[in-house]
Amino acid sequence: MRFTSLLENIKKSLLFAEKALGKSSNLPILSSFLIEAEKNTVKVSATNLEIGIKSSFSAKIEKEGKVVVPAKTLINFLGQVNEAKLDFVLGEKKLVLKTDEYQAEFSLLDAEEFPIIPEVKSGKTLRIESNLLAKSFEQVLIASSRNDFRPELSSVYFGFQEGIGLKIVATDTFRLAEKIIPDNEFHALVKEKTYCLIPLRTAEEVMKIAKEKLEPCDISIDQNQILFEWKETSLISRLLEGEFPDYDAVVPKDFESQLTASQEKLLEALRVTGVFSSKLNDVKLNFSPKDKKLILLAQDNFVGSNQAKVELESVKGESREMVFNYRYLLDGLQAMQVKEKVFIGFGSQERPILIRSENDASYFYILMPLRL
């Protein structure tokens, strides 16, 4: 194998593939890149057996071939090199990298032992703009559980149905976030209702890749796997089995009290108040419709206390006093579009509140109060 390519393109492909590397020291092959040179393209692959990523770049290939090289050393070396071009040459059981000023030799692993990255057998399911996909995942992932005890809570519900749109949902039982992308904002390539549970890590890595892509993403789903494809990068992942919680019954439909406020002012007040919250991250919300104010209070015996008042745009209903985890509340408010007017609806004392933009019904966030 021998090829030459721009260092910038090589680095970019390696950094995409790096997201799928395994961390087990017992299986060094999972901490390595498979590099394949064929025709005018070099493909870099990595897998941890749950996620597989392939990323490609163009190159001047003098001799085709494939090698498996330890990823960390390769990335660290290239991160220190500022040359424009790089030569890859397969020597006697060594991979030699050459520039005008540097030459490095890398030990190799057996390419035949590199795990086969599976393929999705079904055709493409839908196509969506990458920036919309990334933003939607970002809004929803804040509510996903980081605990593996219940796998269905460490996942993202991803499903679409004609006439309803693409629904993306996550919950950890204390909070829930739902984003619905209407039919006219993505292109469904099949007619039948389709849904799956995407592992949290997969959704996080897809979000990171999508943020850097300018072209649409093609998504293919079969019974066990999901594939996200761009022009030079693809990510395939296993899907989780099980049933996502039937959450419709806990989503508030009617409100005993409600308010709208400036997102900017509410966020500022919450951040300031949160400085004084206790180890429970608790902050008290005191809603006073008569005064048209929302008062935020926090106190810690070792730190002090704070009170912040937010002037409200509109109010309705009775007074309400509830306690929330301020970090969770902050997550929900930050997920809204910048400088939006925020709607907050209150049910009974033990029911969750609902937070959404006043002008955008496609996204909502619900949060349970704390019981102190």
Protein backbone atom coordinates (compact mmCIF):
# COMPACT_ATOMS: atom_id res chain seq x y z
CA MET A 1 0.00 0.00 0.00
CA ARG A 2 1.25 3.45 -0.91
CA PHE A 3 -0.62 6.73 -1.21
CA THR A 4 -0.29 10.50 -0.77
CA SER A 5 -2.96 12.87 0.50
CA LEU A 6 -3.49 16.25 2.11
CA LEU A 7 -2.86 16.11 5.85
CA GLU A 8 -6.00 18.15 6.53
CA ASN A 9 -8.22 15.54 4.83
CA ILE A 10 -6.49 12.67 6.64
CA LYS A 11 -6.97 14.31 10.05
CA LYS A 12 -10.63 15.04 9.38
CA SER A 13 -11.40 11.43 8.49
CA LEU A 14 -9.52 10.06 11.49
CA LEU A 15 -11.35 12.37 13.89
CA PHE A 16 -14.73 11.23 12.56
CA ALA A 17 -13.76 7.54 12.83
CA GLU A 18 -12.25 8.07 16.28
CA LYS A 19 -15.76 8.47 17.74
CA ALA A 20 -16.34 4.71 17.35
CA LEU A 21 -13.13 3.48 18.94
CA GLY A 22 -13.37 0.96 21.75
CA LYS A 23 -11.68 1.55 25.11
CA SER A 24 -10.91 -2.04 26.12
CA SER A 25 -7.20 -2.67 26.66
CA ASN A 26 -7.91 -6.41 26.30
CA LEU A 27 -8.89 -5.98 22.64
CA PRO A 28 -6.32 -3.64 21.01
CA ILE A 29 -7.93 -4.24 17.59
CA LEU A 30 -10.91 -2.17 18.81
CA SER A 31 -8.56 0.73 19.60
CA SER A 32 -7.23 0.72 16.05
CA PHE A 33 -8.08 2.07 12.62
CA LEU A 34 -8.55 -0.08 9.54
CA ILE A 35 -7.13 1.95 6.64
CA GLU A 36 -8.00 0.76 3.12
CA ALA A 37 -6.66 2.32 -0.08
CA GLU A 38 -8.52 1.52 -3.28
CA LYS A 39 -8.79 3.39 -6.61
CA ASN A 40 -8.73 7.11 -5.69
CA THR A 41 -10.16 6.81 -2.18
CA VAL A 42 -8.85 5.90 1.26
CA LYS A 43 -11.37 4.62 3.77
CA VAL A 44 -10.82 4.74 7.55
CA SER A 45 -12.93 2.44 9.74
CA ALA A 46 -13.32 2.02 13.50
CA THR A 47 -15.70 0.02 15.67
CA ASN A 48 -16.39 -0.84 19.31
CA LEU A 49 -18.73 -3.67 18.21
CA GLU A 50 -21.79 -1.50 18.98
CA ILE A 51 -21.01 1.46 16.71
CA GLY A 52 -19.07 1.36 13.46
CA ILE A 53 -17.89 4.47 11.59
CA LYS A 54 -16.38 4.68 8.13
CA SER A 55 -14.90 7.93 6.81
CA SER A 56 -13.16 8.45 3.48
CA PHE A 57 -10.90 10.97 1.74
CA SER A 58 -9.40 11.31 -1.72
CA ALA A 59 -5.77 10.41 -2.30
CA LYS A 60 -3.19 9.73 -5.00
CA ILE A 61 -2.89 5.95 -4.70
CA GLU A 62 0.16 4.27 -6.18
CA LYS A 63 -0.54 0.86 -4.65
CA GLU A 64 -3.75 -0.45 -3.11
CA GLY A 65 -3.89 -2.30 0.21
CA LYS A 66 -5.10 -2.25 3.79
CA VAL A 67 -3.54 -2.04 7.25
CA VAL A 68 -4.66 -1.86 10.88
CA VAL A 69 -2.78 0.70 12.97
CA PRO A 70 -3.16 1.76 16.65
CA ALA A 71 -5.37 4.84 16.62
CA LYS A 72 -4.07 6.86 19.58
CA THR A 73 -0.46 6.96 18.42
CA LEU A 74 -1.44 7.86 14.87
CA ILE A 75 -3.75 10.68 15.97
CA ASN A 76 -1.19 12.06 18.43
CA PHE A 77 1.54 12.03 15.77
CA LEU A 78 -0.57 13.75 13.11
CA GLY A 79 -1.74 16.31 15.64
CA GLN A 80 1.84 17.58 15.95
CA VAL A 81 2.60 17.68 12.21
CA ASN A 82 1.96 20.83 10.19
CA GLU A 83 2.97 19.63 6.74
CA ALA A 84 0.63 20.02 3.78
CA LYS A 85 0.94 16.47 2.43
CA LEU A 86 1.69 13.06 3.88
CA ASP A 87 2.93 9.82 2.30
CA PHE A 88 1.68 6.45 3.61
CA VAL A 89 3.94 3.53 2.71
CA LEU A 90 3.50 -0.08 3.84
CA GLY A 91 6.92 -1.51 4.68
CA GLU A 92 7.99 -4.83 6.17
CA LYS A 93 5.33 -5.25 8.88
CA LYS A 94 5.48 -1.49 9.45
CA LEU A 95 3.48 1.50 8.23
CA VAL A 96 5.81 4.35 7.34
CA LEU A 97 4.51 7.94 7.30
CA LYS A 98 6.70 10.50 5.53
CA THR A 99 6.70 14.26 5.10
CA ASP A 100 9.48 16.57 3.99
CA GLU A 101 10.69 16.81 7.58
CA TYR A 102 9.39 13.73 9.40
CA GLN A 103 9.37 9.96 9.09
CA ALA A 104 7.51 7.72 11.54
CA GLU A 105 7.06 3.96 11.69
CA PHE A 106 3.95 2.36 13.19
CA SER A 107 3.56 -1.24 14.29
CA LEU A 108 0.64 -3.03 12.68
CA LEU A 109 -2.06 -5.46 13.74
CA ASP A 110 -3.44 -8.25 11.57
CA ALA A 111 -5.96 -6.68 9.17
CA GLU A 112 -7.80 -9.99 8.86
CA GLU A 113 -8.71 -9.83 12.56
CA PHE A 114 -10.44 -6.45 12.27
CA PRO A 115 -14.16 -6.95 13.02
CA ILE A 116 -16.55 -6.88 10.08
CA ILE A 117 -18.72 -3.77 10.30
CA PRO A 118 -22.25 -4.94 9.40
CA GLU A 119 -24.46 -3.40 6.76
CA VAL A 120 -28.11 -2.39 6.88
CA LYS A 121 -29.88 -4.60 4.35
CA SER A 122 -33.01 -2.48 3.89
CA GLY A 123 -33.12 0.57 1.63
CA LYS A 124 -32.95 4.18 2.75
CA THR A 125 -35.73 5.18 5.14
CA LEU A 126 -35.55 8.97 5.27
CA ARG A 127 -33.41 11.99 4.43
CA ILE A 128 -32.99 15.03 6.66
CA GLU A 129 -30.80 18.13 6.77
CA SER A 130 -27.83 17.58 9.08
CA ASN A 131 -28.25 20.83 11.01
CA LEU A 132 -31.88 19.99 11.80
CA LEU A 133 -30.94 16.46 12.89
CA ALA A 134 -28.15 17.76 15.13
CA LYS A 135 -30.33 20.44 16.73
CA SER A 136 -33.19 18.01 17.35
CA PHE A 137 -30.93 15.47 19.06
CA GLU A 138 -29.35 18.26 21.11
CA GLN A 139 -32.75 19.40 22.39
CA VAL A 140 -33.82 15.89 23.37
CA LEU A 141 -30.67 14.17 24.68
CA ILE A 142 -30.61 16.34 27.81
CA ALA A 143 -33.47 14.22 29.19
CA SER A 144 -31.95 10.79 28.51
CA SER A 145 -30.78 8.61 31.39
CA ARG A 146 -27.04 7.94 31.85
CA ASN A 147 -27.82 4.82 33.89
CA ASP A 148 -27.64 1.43 32.14
CA PHE A 149 -29.97 -0.21 34.67
CA ARG A 150 -32.93 0.37 32.33
CA PRO A 151 -31.60 0.36 28.75
CA GLU A 152 -34.81 1.80 27.29
CA LEU A 153 -34.19 4.96 29.32
CA SER A 154 -30.61 5.20 28.01
CA SER A 155 -32.01 5.50 24.52
CA VAL A 156 -33.77 7.88 22.17
CA TYR A 157 -37.14 7.03 20.65
CA PHE A 158 -36.86 7.76 16.92
CA GLY A 159 -39.93 7.21 14.78
CA PHE A 160 -42.03 8.71 12.05
CA GLN A 161 -45.50 8.31 10.66
CA GLU A 162 -47.04 10.04 7.68
CA GLY A 163 -49.17 12.95 8.80
CA ILE A 164 -47.51 13.15 12.23
CA GLY A 165 -43.87 13.68 11.31
CA LEU A 166 -40.59 12.52 12.79
CA LYS A 167 -40.78 12.17 16.58
CA ILE A 168 -37.64 12.15 18.73
CA VAL A 169 -38.08 11.57 22.48
CA ALA A 170 -35.93 10.91 25.55
CA THR A 171 -36.71 10.53 29.26
CA ASP A 172 -35.07 9.52 32.54
CA THR A 173 -38.49 9.44 34.34
CA PHE A 174 -37.72 12.74 36.16
CA ARG A 175 -37.95 14.73 32.93
CA LEU A 176 -38.89 14.18 29.31
CA ALA A 177 -38.15 16.02 26.06
CA GLU A 178 -40.00 15.59 22.77
CA LYS A 179 -39.23 17.08 19.37
CA ILE A 180 -41.54 16.61 16.39
CA ILE A 181 -40.21 17.48 12.95
CA PRO A 182 -43.14 18.00 10.55
CA ASP A 183 -43.43 16.03 7.29
CA ASN A 184 -42.43 19.01 5.13
CA GLU A 185 -39.05 19.40 6.89
CA PHE A 186 -37.67 15.95 6.03
CA HIS A 187 -38.10 13.49 3.18
CA ALA A 188 -39.60 10.09 4.02
CA LEU A 189 -38.48 7.42 1.56
CA VAL A 190 -40.94 4.78 2.80
CA LYS A 191 -44.65 5.02 3.58
CA GLU A 192 -45.08 2.68 6.53
CA LYS A 193 -44.80 3.76 10.17
CA THR A 194 -41.24 3.23 11.40
CA TYR A 195 -39.72 3.53 14.87
CA CYS A 196 -36.71 2.32 16.85
CA LEU A 197 -34.72 2.89 20.04
CA ILE A 198 -31.31 4.42 19.38
CA PRO A 199 -28.64 3.97 22.10
CA LEU A 200 -27.72 7.22 23.80
CA ARG A 201 -24.06 7.09 22.77
CA THR A 202 -25.03 6.54 19.15
CA ALA A 203 -27.32 9.58 19.19
CA GLU A 204 -24.56 11.67 20.79
CA GLU A 205 -22.00 10.69 18.15
CA VAL A 206 -24.48 11.25 15.31
CA MET A 207 -25.20 14.71 16.72
CA LYS A 208 -21.47 15.57 16.79
CA ILE A 209 -20.93 14.41 13.21
CA ALA A 210 -24.09 16.10 11.90
CA LYS A 211 -22.96 19.45 13.35
CA GLU A 212 -19.95 19.35 11.03
CA LYS A 213 -21.76 18.27 7.88
CA LEU A 214 -23.31 20.63 5.34
CA GLU A 215 -25.11 18.00 3.25
CA PRO A 216 -28.28 16.03 4.13
CA CYS A 217 -28.09 12.78 6.08
CA ASP A 218 -29.64 9.58 4.69
CA ILE A 219 -30.96 7.24 7.38
CA SER A 220 -31.66 3.54 6.91
CA ILE A 221 -33.37 1.40 9.55
CA ASP A 222 -33.83 -2.34 9.73
CA GLN A 223 -34.87 -4.66 12.54
CA ASN A 224 -31.59 -4.57 14.46
CA GLN A 225 -29.52 -1.67 13.12
CA ILE A 226 -29.61 1.96 12.00
CA LEU A 227 -27.32 3.61 9.46
CA PHE A 228 -26.58 7.35 9.13
CA GLU A 229 -24.87 8.26 5.84
CA TRP A 230 -23.19 11.36 4.49
CA LYS A 231 -21.03 11.70 1.36
CA GLU A 232 -17.75 10.76 3.05
CA THR A 233 -18.87 9.43 6.43
CA SER A 234 -21.23 6.73 7.66
CA LEU A 235 -22.18 5.50 11.14
CA ILE A 236 -23.92 2.22 11.81
CA SER A 237 -25.21 1.16 15.20
CA ARG A 238 -27.13 -1.63 16.80
CA LEU A 239 -30.62 -0.77 18.05
CA LEU A 240 -31.90 -1.43 21.54
CA GLU A 241 -34.62 -3.95 22.19
CA GLY A 242 -37.51 -3.26 24.54
CA GLU A 243 -40.37 -0.81 24.77
CA PHE A 244 -40.04 2.92 25.27
CA PRO A 245 -42.21 4.17 28.17
CA ASP A 246 -45.79 5.06 27.21
CA TYR A 247 -45.42 8.66 28.30
CA ASP A 248 -48.50 10.28 26.79
CA ALA A 249 -50.49 10.03 30.02
CA VAL A 250 -47.93 12.05 32.01
CA VAL A 251 -47.70 14.93 29.53
CA PRO A 252 -49.81 17.78 30.94
CA LYS A 253 -52.73 18.72 28.70
CA ASP A 254 -54.52 21.21 30.96
CA PHE A 255 -52.96 23.71 33.35
CA GLU A 256 -54.17 25.12 36.63
CA SER A 257 -51.69 28.00 36.30
CA GLN A 258 -49.50 29.28 33.48
CA LEU A 259 -47.09 32.05 32.60
CA THR A 260 -44.97 33.41 29.77
CA ALA A 261 -41.63 35.11 30.37
CA SER A 262 -38.50 36.27 28.60
CA GLN A 263 -36.18 33.29 28.19
CA GLU A 264 -33.16 35.55 28.62
CA LYS A 265 -34.37 37.03 31.94
CA LEU A 266 -35.50 33.68 33.30
CA LEU A 267 -32.18 32.03 32.47
CA GLU A 268 -30.22 34.83 34.09
CA ALA A 269 -32.30 34.65 37.28
CA LEU A 270 -31.98 30.85 37.42
CA ARG A 271 -28.21 30.88 36.95
CA VAL A 272 -27.75 33.45 39.70
CA THR A 273 -30.09 31.62 42.08
CA GLY A 274 -28.48 28.27 41.36
CA VAL A 275 -25.19 29.49 42.84
CA PHE A 276 -26.84 29.30 46.27
CA SER A 277 -28.61 25.96 45.88
CA SER A 278 -27.83 23.11 48.26
CA LYS A 279 -26.31 19.73 47.42
CA LEU A 280 -29.77 18.74 46.16
CA ASN A 281 -29.53 21.45 43.48
CA ASP A 282 -32.91 22.68 44.69
CA VAL A 283 -34.47 26.00 43.74
CA LYS A 284 -37.94 27.14 44.75
CA LEU A 285 -40.29 28.76 42.24
CA ASN A 286 -42.92 31.05 43.72
CA PHE A 287 -45.47 32.06 41.09
CA SER A 288 -47.52 35.14 41.99
CA PRO A 289 -50.09 35.95 39.27
CA LYS A 290 -51.39 38.93 41.26
CA ASP A 291 -47.97 40.63 41.21
CA LYS A 292 -47.18 39.27 37.72
CA LYS A 293 -43.86 37.93 39.03
CA LEU A 294 -41.98 34.67 39.34
CA ILE A 295 -39.73 34.58 42.40
CA LEU A 296 -36.79 32.17 42.50
CA LEU A 297 -35.27 31.27 45.85
CA ALA A 298 -32.32 29.11 46.90
CA GLN A 299 -30.56 28.62 50.22
CA ASP A 300 -27.60 26.67 51.54
CA ASN A 301 -26.55 26.85 55.18
CA PHE A 302 -22.87 26.88 54.25
CA VAL A 303 -23.12 29.34 51.35
CA GLY A 304 -25.99 31.73 51.90
CA SER A 305 -29.23 32.51 50.14
CA ASN A 306 -30.52 34.35 47.10
CA GLN A 307 -33.82 35.63 45.77
CA ALA A 308 -34.45 36.71 42.19
CA LYS A 309 -37.59 38.26 40.70
CA VAL A 310 -38.63 37.90 37.07
CA GLU A 311 -41.27 40.17 35.53
CA LEU A 312 -43.75 38.05 33.57
CA GLU A 313 -45.20 38.75 30.15
CA SER A 314 -48.56 37.14 30.91
CA VAL A 315 -50.12 35.11 33.74
CA LYS A 316 -53.15 32.93 34.35
CA GLY A 317 -54.46 30.85 37.26
CA GLU A 318 -53.66 30.59 40.94
CA SER A 319 -50.46 31.12 42.92
CA ARG A 320 -48.05 28.21 42.91
CA GLU A 321 -44.97 27.25 44.94
CA MET A 322 -42.84 24.31 43.80
CA VAL A 323 -39.24 23.10 44.13
CA PHE A 324 -37.13 21.83 41.22
CA ASN A 325 -33.65 20.60 40.44
CA TYR A 326 -32.26 23.83 39.04
CA ARG A 327 -29.82 22.07 36.68
CA TYR A 328 -32.66 20.11 35.10
CA LEU A 329 -34.72 23.29 34.86
CA LEU A 330 -31.77 25.09 33.29
CA ASP A 331 -31.38 22.31 30.69
CA GLY A 332 -34.97 22.69 29.56
CA LEU A 333 -34.83 26.47 29.27
CA GLN A 334 -31.52 26.39 27.39
CA ALA A 335 -32.95 23.93 24.85
CA MET A 336 -35.32 26.59 23.52
CA GLN A 337 -34.39 28.83 20.62
CA VAL A 338 -32.40 31.89 21.70
CA LYS A 339 -34.41 34.90 22.91
CA GLU A 340 -37.75 33.12 22.78
CA LYS A 341 -40.68 33.84 25.05
CA VAL A 342 -41.06 30.80 27.28
CA PHE A 343 -44.37 29.24 28.29
CA ILE A 344 -44.55 27.31 31.60
CA GLY A 345 -47.69 25.41 32.53
CA PHE A 346 -48.39 24.13 36.07
CA GLY A 347 -50.69 21.28 37.03
CA SER A 348 -51.17 20.03 40.58
CA GLN A 349 -48.34 20.16 43.14
CA GLU A 350 -47.14 16.63 42.35
CA ARG A 351 -47.54 16.81 38.57
CA PRO A 352 -44.77 17.85 36.18
CA ILE A 353 -44.56 21.32 34.68
CA LEU A 354 -44.42 21.76 30.91
CA ILE A 355 -41.95 24.15 29.29
CA ARG A 356 -42.03 25.19 25.65
CA SER A 357 -41.54 28.16 23.40
CA GLU A 358 -44.59 30.40 23.15
CA ASN A 359 -44.32 30.34 19.35
CA ASP A 360 -43.02 26.82 18.64
CA ALA A 361 -45.18 23.83 19.57
CA SER A 362 -42.79 21.31 17.95
CA TYR A 363 -40.73 20.93 21.13
CA PHE A 364 -41.59 20.59 24.80
CA TYR A 365 -39.82 19.64 28.02
CA ILE A 366 -41.56 18.35 31.14
CA LEU A 367 -40.00 18.24 34.59
CA MET A 368 -41.12 16.66 37.85
CA PRO A 369 -40.93 18.76 41.05
CA LEU A 370 -38.72 17.70 43.93
CA ARG A 371 -40.30 16.30 47.08
CA LEU A 372 -38.36 17.69 50.04
